[in-house]
Protein backbone atom coordinates (compact mmCIF):
# COMPACT_ATOMS: atom_id res chain seq x y z
CA MET A 1 114.78 119.09 70.76
CA MET A 2 112.97 118.66 67.15
CA ILE A 3 109.26 120.16 66.44
CA THR A 4 106.92 118.81 63.97
CA GLY A 5 103.64 120.83 64.01
CA ASN A 6 102.73 121.33 67.89
CA ILE A 7 104.66 118.14 68.66
CA GLN A 8 108.16 118.17 70.23
CA TYR A 9 110.61 115.59 70.38
CA LEU A 10 112.06 115.88 73.84
CA HIS A 11 115.22 114.14 75.29
CA ARG A 12 114.65 112.59 78.63
CA ALA A 13 116.55 115.34 80.38
CA ALA A 14 114.33 118.13 78.73
CA ILE A 15 111.04 116.33 79.89
CA ASP A 16 109.16 118.19 82.73
CA THR A 17 108.55 115.16 85.16
CA ALA A 18 105.79 116.74 86.93
CA ARG A 19 104.06 118.09 84.16
CA TRP A 20 104.37 114.28 82.30
CA ASP A 21 103.00 112.77 85.20
CA ALA A 22 100.16 115.20 85.64
CA ALA A 23 99.23 114.62 82.27
CA ILE A 24 99.51 110.81 82.33
CA THR A 25 97.12 111.07 85.68
CA ALA A 26 94.75 113.47 83.31
CA ALA A 27 94.68 111.05 80.50
CA GLY A 28 91.57 109.16 80.05
CA ASN A 29 94.08 106.17 79.07
CA GLY A 30 96.52 106.83 81.62
CA THR A 31 98.73 103.74 82.57
CA LEU A 32 100.96 102.62 85.31
CA TYR A 33 103.43 102.08 82.33
CA ALA A 34 103.62 105.76 81.23
CA GLU A 35 104.53 107.25 84.53
CA SER A 36 108.07 108.58 84.61
CA ALA A 37 109.33 106.53 87.28
CA TRP A 38 108.24 103.32 85.59
CA LEU A 39 110.04 104.28 82.42
CA ASP A 40 112.95 105.39 84.34
CA ASN A 41 113.28 102.24 86.34
CA PHE A 42 112.80 99.79 83.34
CA CYS A 43 114.14 101.83 80.12
CA PRO A 44 117.49 102.24 79.20
CA HIS A 45 116.71 105.06 77.52
CA TRP A 46 113.76 106.91 76.88
CA ASP A 47 112.40 109.87 75.32
CA ALA A 48 109.11 111.60 74.22
CA LEU A 49 107.02 113.42 72.03
CA VAL A 50 104.98 116.07 73.86
CA GLU A 51 102.40 118.16 72.31
CA GLY A 52 101.50 121.93 73.56
CA ASP A 53 101.57 122.00 77.32
CA TYR A 54 101.79 118.35 77.88
CA GLU A 55 98.20 118.15 76.67
CA GLN A 56 98.94 114.65 74.71
CA VAL A 57 102.18 112.89 75.39
CA MET A 58 104.01 109.70 73.83
CA PRO A 59 107.02 107.96 75.64
CA LEU A 60 109.76 106.53 73.27
CA PRO A 61 111.44 103.74 74.88
CA TRP A 62 114.66 103.04 72.85
CA ARG A 63 117.60 101.30 72.67
CA LYS A 64 120.75 100.77 70.37
CA LYS A 65 122.29 97.62 68.65
CA ALA A 66 125.05 97.83 66.15
CA GLY A 67 124.99 101.73 66.19
CA ILE A 68 121.48 101.75 65.38
CA GLN A 69 118.71 103.38 67.57
CA TYR A 70 115.27 101.56 67.68
CA LEU A 71 111.92 101.57 69.44
CA GLY A 72 111.48 98.05 70.71
CA TYR A 73 109.62 96.03 73.48
CA THR A 74 110.89 96.72 76.96
CA PRO A 75 110.09 94.51 79.63
CA PHE A 76 107.20 95.35 82.17
CA ILE A 77 106.34 98.31 79.81
CA TYR A 78 103.03 96.50 78.40
CA ALA A 79 101.35 99.76 77.11
CA GLY A 80 102.70 102.64 75.07
CA GLY A 81 101.82 104.95 72.45
CA VAL A 82 99.84 108.29 72.82
CA PHE A 83 98.15 109.26 76.30
CA GLY A 84 95.86 111.98 76.76
CA ASN A 85 91.93 112.99 76.09
CA ASP A 86 89.96 113.56 72.91
CA LEU A 87 92.36 111.08 71.09
CA ASN A 88 91.43 110.03 67.43
CA ALA A 89 92.91 108.48 64.27
CA ASP A 90 94.40 111.95 63.08
CA ARG A 91 95.89 112.58 66.35
CA LEU A 92 97.66 109.28 66.44
CA LYS A 93 98.98 109.49 62.97
CA ALA A 94 100.46 113.06 63.63
CA PHE A 95 102.17 111.36 66.70
CA LEU A 96 103.65 108.59 64.64
CA ASP A 97 104.27 110.94 61.48
CA ALA A 98 106.34 113.06 64.47
CA VAL A 99 108.66 109.97 65.61
CA PRO A 100 112.20 111.25 64.59
CA PRO A 101 113.56 109.33 61.57
CA LYS A 102 116.48 108.28 63.37
CA PHE A 103 114.22 105.14 64.74
CA ARG A 104 113.80 103.09 61.70
CA TYR A 105 112.93 100.33 63.29
CA TRP A 106 109.73 100.23 65.78
CA ASP A 107 108.14 97.11 67.67
CA PHE A 108 106.26 98.12 70.44
CA PRO A 109 102.64 98.05 72.04
CA LEU A 110 100.37 101.57 72.02
CA ASN A 111 97.45 101.43 74.35
CA ASN A 112 93.59 100.66 73.89
CA GLY A 113 92.99 104.46 73.78
CA ASN A 114 95.16 104.18 70.50
CA ASN A 115 92.70 101.26 68.72
CA TYR A 116 92.65 102.99 65.53
CA THR A 117 93.37 101.66 61.64
CA LEU A 118 95.89 103.38 59.96
CA PRO A 119 96.83 102.49 56.51
CA GLU A 120 100.22 103.91 56.74
CA TYR A 121 101.11 102.08 59.89
CA PRO A 122 101.33 98.15 60.19
CA MET A 123 99.35 97.08 63.29
CA LEU A 124 98.27 93.89 65.00
CA LEU A 125 95.56 93.99 67.44
CA ARG A 126 96.08 92.19 70.67
CA ARG A 127 93.94 91.14 73.65
CA ASN A 128 93.87 92.33 77.21
CA PHE A 129 91.32 91.18 79.90
CA ILE A 130 90.00 93.56 82.45
CA LEU A 131 87.51 92.78 85.62
CA PRO A 132 85.58 95.87 86.88
CA LEU A 133 85.65 95.20 90.64
CA SER A 134 82.63 98.02 91.17
CA PRO A 135 80.07 95.53 91.71
CA SER A 136 79.74 93.32 94.98
CA TYR A 137 81.35 90.23 95.46
CA THR A 138 78.15 88.35 95.21
CA ASP A 139 77.65 90.08 91.72
CA ILE A 140 80.87 89.30 90.50
CA GLU A 141 81.31 85.85 91.77
CA LYS A 142 77.73 84.54 89.96
CA ASN A 143 79.51 85.14 86.75
CA TYR A 144 82.47 82.35 87.57
CA ARG A 145 82.53 79.68 85.40
CA LYS A 146 81.75 76.55 86.95
CA GLN A 147 85.34 75.25 86.73
CA ILE A 148 86.34 78.10 88.84
CA HIS A 149 83.80 77.35 91.67
CA ARG A 150 85.24 73.57 91.39
CA ASN A 151 88.71 74.63 91.65
CA ILE A 152 88.40 77.25 94.52
CA HIS A 153 86.54 74.48 96.54
CA LYS A 154 89.30 72.06 95.83
CA ALA A 155 91.77 74.76 97.28
CA LYS A 156 89.55 74.99 100.24
CA GLY A 157 89.20 71.17 100.51
CA LEU A 158 93.27 71.18 100.45
CA ARG A 159 93.29 73.68 103.46
CA PHE A 160 95.20 76.08 101.35
CA VAL A 161 95.58 79.63 103.06
CA VAL A 162 95.91 83.03 101.67
CA ASP A 163 99.11 84.95 102.45
CA THR A 164 99.26 88.55 101.96
CA ALA A 165 102.85 88.74 103.45
CA VAL A 166 104.94 86.96 101.05
CA GLU A 167 108.26 88.62 100.29
CA VAL A 168 108.58 89.72 96.72
CA GLU A 169 111.82 87.71 96.41
CA GLU A 170 109.84 84.18 97.00
CA VAL A 171 107.41 85.35 93.83
CA ILE A 172 110.42 86.13 91.73
CA ARG A 173 112.05 82.95 92.39
CA LEU A 174 108.66 81.15 91.35
CA ALA A 175 108.31 83.03 88.31
CA SER A 176 111.88 82.91 87.22
CA LEU A 177 111.59 79.04 87.13
CA ARG A 178 109.11 79.47 84.15
CA HIS A 179 110.22 82.80 82.37
CA PHE A 180 114.03 83.11 82.99
CA ASN A 181 115.98 83.98 79.91
CA ASP A 182 112.64 83.38 77.77
CA TYR A 183 111.12 86.81 78.77
CA PHE A 184 113.12 88.34 81.63
CA SER A 185 116.58 88.61 82.69
CA VAL A 186 118.19 89.15 86.06
CA LYS A 187 118.58 92.91 85.19
CA ASP A 188 114.80 92.88 84.48
CA TYR A 189 114.12 91.21 87.86
CA ASN A 190 116.23 93.54 89.67
CA SER A 191 114.36 96.55 88.39
CA PHE A 192 111.29 95.01 89.24
CA LEU A 193 112.17 94.43 92.67
CA LYS A 194 113.40 98.15 92.97
CA ILE A 195 110.35 99.40 91.79
CA TYR A 196 108.37 97.12 94.11
CA GLY A 197 110.09 98.36 97.15
CA VAL A 198 109.17 102.03 96.17
CA ARG A 199 105.75 101.35 95.22
CA GLN A 200 104.64 99.08 98.22
CA GLY A 201 106.32 101.73 100.41
CA GLU A 202 103.63 103.99 98.78
CA GLY A 203 100.99 101.70 99.54
CA ARG A 204 100.55 101.15 95.84
CA ALA A 205 101.79 97.42 95.55
CA LYS A 206 100.48 94.33 97.19
CA ILE A 207 101.61 90.56 97.10
CA TYR A 208 99.28 87.61 97.41
CA GLY A 209 100.32 84.05 98.00
CA ILE A 210 98.49 80.55 98.46
CA ARG A 211 100.11 78.20 101.00
CA THR A 212 99.58 74.79 102.00
CA ASN A 213 99.06 74.19 105.68
CA GLN A 214 102.85 73.16 105.64
CA GLY A 215 103.98 76.70 104.46
CA ASN A 216 104.47 75.69 100.63
CA LEU A 217 104.02 78.48 98.33
CA MET A 218 101.82 77.23 95.46
CA ALA A 219 100.67 80.13 93.77
CA SER A 220 101.81 84.15 93.90
CA ALA A 221 101.31 87.48 92.26
CA VAL A 222 102.37 90.89 92.53
CA PHE A 223 99.63 93.43 92.14
CA PHE A 224 100.50 97.29 91.35
CA PHE A 225 97.76 99.91 91.71
CA ALA A 226 97.71 103.02 89.37
CA ALA A 227 95.41 104.93 87.14
CA GLY A 228 92.12 103.32 88.82
CA ARG A 229 93.47 99.75 87.91
CA ALA A 230 95.10 96.86 90.00
CA TYR A 231 97.51 95.37 87.38
CA TYR A 232 98.07 91.54 87.88
CA LEU A 233 101.98 91.95 86.99
CA LEU A 234 103.93 89.23 88.10
CA VAL A 235 102.93 85.60 88.63
CA GLY A 236 104.82 82.98 90.56
CA ASN A 237 103.04 79.42 90.33
CA HIS A 238 104.44 76.07 91.69
CA PRO A 239 104.05 73.48 89.06
CA ASP A 240 101.20 71.86 90.87
CA GLY A 241 99.43 74.77 91.80
CA LYS A 242 97.25 75.20 88.85
CA THR A 243 95.75 71.31 89.00
CA ALA A 244 95.06 72.00 93.02
CA GLY A 245 93.36 75.50 92.09
CA ALA A 246 95.87 77.64 93.92
CA SER A 247 95.65 80.02 91.33
CA HIS A 248 91.86 80.24 91.02
CA PHE A 249 91.91 80.59 95.12
CA LEU A 250 94.32 83.43 94.87
CA ILE A 251 92.46 85.62 92.38
CA ASP A 252 89.24 85.05 94.15
CA ALA A 253 90.75 86.23 97.40
CA PHE A 254 91.96 89.55 95.83
CA ILE A 255 88.52 90.01 94.16
CA ARG A 256 86.95 89.15 97.71
CA ASP A 257 89.03 91.80 99.34
CA HIS A 258 88.95 94.54 96.61
CA CYS A 259 85.22 94.57 95.26
CA ALA A 260 82.67 97.25 95.59
CA GLN A 261 85.47 99.52 94.90
CA PRO A 262 85.97 101.87 91.84
CA LEU A 263 88.90 99.67 90.75
CA VAL A 264 89.53 97.35 87.57
CA LEU A 265 91.31 94.38 87.50
CA ASP A 266 93.70 94.44 84.63
CA PHE A 267 94.97 90.80 83.64
CA GLU A 268 97.73 92.01 81.23
CA GLY A 269 96.72 89.56 78.21
CA SER A 270 96.52 87.33 76.67
CA ASP A 271 96.49 86.33 73.12
CA ILE A 272 97.21 82.75 74.35
CA ASP A 273 93.87 80.86 74.07
CA GLY A 274 94.49 78.97 77.59
CA LEU A 275 95.22 82.22 79.64
CA ALA A 276 92.35 83.98 77.96
CA PHE A 277 89.91 81.37 78.86
CA PHE A 278 90.96 81.48 82.38
CA TYR A 279 90.91 85.16 83.07
CA SER A 280 87.56 85.25 80.96
CA SER A 281 86.23 82.34 83.37
CA PHE A 282 86.17 84.86 86.41
CA GLY A 283 84.06 87.23 84.16
CA ALA A 284 86.86 89.24 82.75
CA PHE A 285 86.32 90.67 79.08
CA ALA A 286 88.56 91.37 76.32
CA GLU A 287 90.11 94.84 75.89
CA TYR A 288 92.05 95.43 72.60
CA TYR A 289 95.28 97.51 71.76
CA PRO A 290 97.30 97.57 68.60
CA THR A 291 100.84 97.03 68.36
CA ILE A 292 103.06 98.48 65.68
CA ARG A 293 105.83 96.80 63.81
CA LEU A 294 107.84 99.14 61.17
CA ASN A 295 111.15 98.25 59.60
CA ARG A 296 112.51 101.31 57.38
CA LEU A 297 115.89 99.95 57.92
CA PRO A 298 118.04 99.92 54.53
CA ALA A 299 117.94 96.80 52.47
CA TRP A 300 121.30 95.43 53.27
CA LEU A 301 120.88 96.22 57.36
CA ARG A 302 117.21 94.59 57.46
CA TRP A 303 118.81 91.10 58.60
CA LEU A 304 119.93 93.05 61.71
CA LYS A 305 116.34 92.99 63.02
CA PRO A 306 116.97 94.10 66.79
C-alpha cells in the first residue's frame, strides 16, 4: 500500500469490494465499467487509488510487457479515471499525481466527469453520444432525422421482425466477422460471454435482433444496464443489414420499449464521423470525455511502446 496525501494505492486483494461498488453506485459519474465484477472479468490485473473512506476512487487496469507494467486500454472498459462526487481539476490532478511511478506508460480513457484541462498531463478529448429516454416515444421520435424514418419504413416493408430472444453467441459471431483481430480476441469474447450470462441472469442485460421473415439475423446488439444507463455495447450486423434499415429498426425498437423511463441510452462513441452522424440522427447528443497518454519510459525503451 502506498499513501499520497489522503489517496491510497491499493492492490486488488486489498480493495473492499462492497465499499468499492457502493462508491461507484453513489458517484454522479459512476459507470458500468468501474464496477468491481466488470473489472475483474475483463482486466488481467487491476489495482486502484482510493481516497479516504472510498469517497473517490480510480481503477488502474494494468498489463506487463517485457517486464514493464503499464496502464493501457482494456477491451470493453470504455471509461476509467476518477469516480466520485464534487470532482474538480485539482482532485483529478491529485489522483493522477498519486499514480505509482512504476507505471511509466499510460494510454487509457477517463470519464465525462473528468473533463478538465491539466497542463501537466496530455489529454485528447473524445466523443460519446447519449440519448435520454425519459420523454415519451412521440417526443423522441419527432427528433429523428428523415433518413431514420425512411430506413425504419424500409425495414417494415421488407417484413423484418424484432427478436428479443437472440442468443449471445449469435451476436458474437456476427460481431467477430468485423472486429476479430482488429479490436477483440477470442479471450475478449469469452470474457464478454461470461459477464453477459451473469448480468442477463440479474435482469441487467438484453439482446435485440432484427430478422428477415426467413429467420436470417440482419442486425443485433447487446445492451447492459447500470448507473441509469443502457449501454449499446456489442453490435453484430449482417453486411446487408445497414442498407436494408435493420440497425435503424433495432434502435427504434429499443427506444420504443424503454422510453418514458429515467434511463439514458449510451451509444459508446464515436469519433468516427459516419457513426457520429448515425447516432445523432436519433436525436442523441455528444458527451465529451478525455483520454490520457503519457510516456515516461527511459529514452532507450521508448521504442517499446506497449
